[in-house]
């Protein structure tokens, strides 16, 4: 199982705002997973998102 992080943790780690995280999700570039009422991002998805930024 992949390690999961919160939206807040993801935004802090990559130095972006929460609204940018949600915008990336809306574009389909960053998938979220709902666990009950909590929203989480998998480490592998975060790494893939960052790698795609560097290639663009």
N, C-alpha and C. Protein backbone atom coordinates (compact mmCIF):
# COMPACT_ATOMS: atom_id res chain seq x y z
N UNK A 1 0.84 -1.19 0.00
CA UNK A 1 0.00 0.00 0.00
C UNK A 1 0.88 1.25 0.00
N UNK A 2 0.51 2.17 -0.82
CA UNK A 2 1.22 3.43 -0.95
C UNK A 2 0.98 4.32 0.26
N UNK A 3 1.98 5.09 0.66
CA UNK A 3 1.81 6.06 1.74
C UNK A 3 0.92 7.18 1.22
N UNK A 4 0.02 7.67 2.08
CA UNK A 4 -0.94 8.70 1.69
C UNK A 4 -0.62 10.00 2.42
N UNK A 5 -0.93 11.13 1.78
CA UNK A 5 -0.72 12.42 2.43
C UNK A 5 -1.97 13.28 2.26
N UNK A 6 -2.13 14.21 3.15
CA UNK A 6 -3.27 15.13 3.07
C UNK A 6 -3.00 16.19 2.01
N UNK A 7 -4.05 16.93 1.67
CA UNK A 7 -3.92 18.05 0.74
C UNK A 7 -2.93 19.07 1.31
N UNK A 8 -3.07 19.35 2.59
CA UNK A 8 -2.19 20.32 3.26
C UNK A 8 -0.73 19.88 3.21
N UNK A 9 -0.47 18.60 3.49
CA UNK A 9 0.89 18.07 3.44
C UNK A 9 1.46 18.15 2.03
N UNK A 10 0.64 17.80 1.04
CA UNK A 10 1.07 17.84 -0.35
C UNK A 10 1.43 19.27 -0.76
N UNK A 11 0.56 20.22 -0.43
CA UNK A 11 0.79 21.62 -0.79
C UNK A 11 2.07 22.15 -0.13
N UNK A 12 2.28 21.81 1.13
CA UNK A 12 3.47 22.25 1.84
C UNK A 12 4.73 21.63 1.24
N UNK A 13 4.67 20.35 0.93
CA UNK A 13 5.83 19.63 0.39
C UNK A 13 6.29 20.21 -0.95
N UNK A 14 5.32 20.57 -1.81
CA UNK A 14 5.67 21.05 -3.14
C UNK A 14 5.62 22.58 -3.26
N UNK A 15 5.33 23.26 -2.17
CA UNK A 15 5.38 24.72 -2.16
C UNK A 15 4.31 25.38 -3.01
N UNK A 16 3.12 24.80 -3.02
CA UNK A 16 2.01 25.37 -3.79
C UNK A 16 0.82 25.58 -2.87
N UNK A 17 -0.16 26.33 -3.32
CA UNK A 17 -1.36 26.60 -2.53
C UNK A 17 -2.38 25.48 -2.68
N UNK A 18 -3.31 25.45 -1.72
CA UNK A 18 -4.37 24.44 -1.77
C UNK A 18 -5.22 24.56 -3.02
N UNK A 19 -5.51 25.79 -3.44
CA UNK A 19 -6.34 25.96 -4.64
C UNK A 19 -5.64 25.41 -5.88
N UNK A 20 -4.32 25.49 -5.92
CA UNK A 20 -3.57 24.92 -7.03
C UNK A 20 -3.67 23.40 -7.02
N UNK A 21 -3.67 22.81 -5.84
CA UNK A 21 -3.82 21.35 -5.73
C UNK A 21 -5.17 20.93 -6.29
N UNK A 22 -6.23 21.64 -5.91
CA UNK A 22 -7.56 21.30 -6.42
C UNK A 22 -7.68 21.56 -7.92
N UNK A 23 -7.01 22.60 -8.41
CA UNK A 23 -7.02 22.88 -9.85
C UNK A 23 -6.32 21.77 -10.63
N UNK A 24 -5.21 21.27 -10.10
CA UNK A 24 -4.49 20.16 -10.74
C UNK A 24 -5.36 18.90 -10.77
N UNK A 25 -6.15 18.70 -9.72
CA UNK A 25 -7.06 17.57 -9.68
C UNK A 25 -8.16 17.72 -10.73
N UNK A 26 -8.69 18.93 -10.86
CA UNK A 26 -9.75 19.18 -11.84
C UNK A 26 -9.26 18.97 -13.27
N UNK A 27 -7.98 19.26 -13.52
CA UNK A 27 -7.39 19.03 -14.84
C UNK A 27 -7.15 17.56 -15.12
N UNK A 28 -7.18 16.75 -14.07
CA UNK A 28 -6.92 15.32 -14.22
C UNK A 28 -5.46 14.96 -14.05
N UNK A 29 -4.64 15.92 -13.64
CA UNK A 29 -3.20 15.69 -13.49
C UNK A 29 -2.83 15.09 -12.15
N UNK A 30 -3.71 15.22 -11.16
CA UNK A 30 -3.40 14.76 -9.80
C UNK A 30 -4.61 14.07 -9.19
N UNK A 31 -4.63 12.76 -9.18
CA UNK A 31 -5.80 12.05 -8.62
C UNK A 31 -5.83 12.09 -7.09
N UNK A 32 -7.04 12.19 -6.57
CA UNK A 32 -7.30 12.13 -5.13
C UNK A 32 -7.98 10.81 -4.81
N UNK A 33 -7.90 10.42 -3.55
CA UNK A 33 -8.66 9.27 -3.06
C UNK A 33 -9.43 9.71 -1.83
N UNK A 34 -10.69 9.38 -1.79
CA UNK A 34 -11.49 9.67 -0.62
C UNK A 34 -11.46 8.46 0.29
N UNK A 35 -11.15 8.70 1.55
CA UNK A 35 -11.15 7.66 2.57
C UNK A 35 -12.10 8.17 3.66
N UNK A 36 -13.33 7.71 3.59
CA UNK A 36 -14.35 8.28 4.46
C UNK A 36 -14.58 9.71 4.03
N UNK A 37 -14.45 10.65 4.95
CA UNK A 37 -14.60 12.07 4.61
C UNK A 37 -13.27 12.72 4.26
N UNK A 38 -12.18 12.02 4.47
CA UNK A 38 -10.85 12.57 4.23
C UNK A 38 -10.42 12.41 2.77
N UNK A 39 -9.70 13.40 2.27
CA UNK A 39 -9.15 13.35 0.93
C UNK A 39 -7.64 13.14 1.06
N UNK A 40 -7.13 12.16 0.32
CA UNK A 40 -5.71 11.83 0.41
C UNK A 40 -5.11 11.71 -0.99
N UNK A 41 -3.80 11.94 -1.06
CA UNK A 41 -3.04 11.80 -2.30
C UNK A 41 -1.96 10.76 -2.05
N UNK A 42 -1.86 9.79 -2.94
CA UNK A 42 -0.85 8.74 -2.81
C UNK A 42 0.53 9.29 -3.17
N UNK A 43 1.56 8.81 -2.48
CA UNK A 43 2.94 9.21 -2.76
C UNK A 43 3.30 8.98 -4.22
N UNK A 44 2.89 7.85 -4.77
CA UNK A 44 3.23 7.54 -6.16
C UNK A 44 2.58 8.53 -7.12
N UNK A 45 1.35 8.96 -6.84
CA UNK A 45 0.69 9.96 -7.67
C UNK A 45 1.38 11.31 -7.55
N UNK A 46 1.81 11.65 -6.34
CA UNK A 46 2.53 12.91 -6.13
C UNK A 46 3.85 12.92 -6.90
N UNK A 47 4.57 11.83 -6.85
CA UNK A 47 5.84 11.73 -7.56
C UNK A 47 5.64 11.81 -9.07
N UNK A 48 4.62 11.13 -9.56
CA UNK A 48 4.31 11.16 -10.99
C UNK A 48 3.93 12.57 -11.44
N UNK A 49 3.12 13.26 -10.62
CA UNK A 49 2.73 14.64 -10.92
C UNK A 49 3.96 15.54 -11.01
N UNK A 50 4.86 15.41 -10.05
CA UNK A 50 6.07 16.25 -10.04
C UNK A 50 6.97 15.93 -11.23
N UNK A 51 7.12 14.67 -11.56
CA UNK A 51 7.94 14.28 -12.72
C UNK A 51 7.36 14.86 -14.01
N UNK A 52 6.04 14.87 -14.15
CA UNK A 52 5.41 15.44 -15.33
C UNK A 52 5.60 16.95 -15.41
N UNK A 53 5.67 17.63 -14.28
CA UNK A 53 5.94 19.07 -14.28
C UNK A 53 7.32 19.36 -14.83
N UNK A 54 8.28 18.58 -14.42
CA UNK A 54 9.66 18.81 -14.83
C UNK A 54 9.86 18.52 -16.32
N UNK A 55 9.05 17.66 -16.91
CA UNK A 55 9.16 17.33 -18.33
C UNK A 55 8.51 18.37 -19.21
N UNK A 56 7.52 19.07 -18.68
CA UNK A 56 6.77 20.05 -19.49
C UNK A 56 7.55 21.30 -19.75
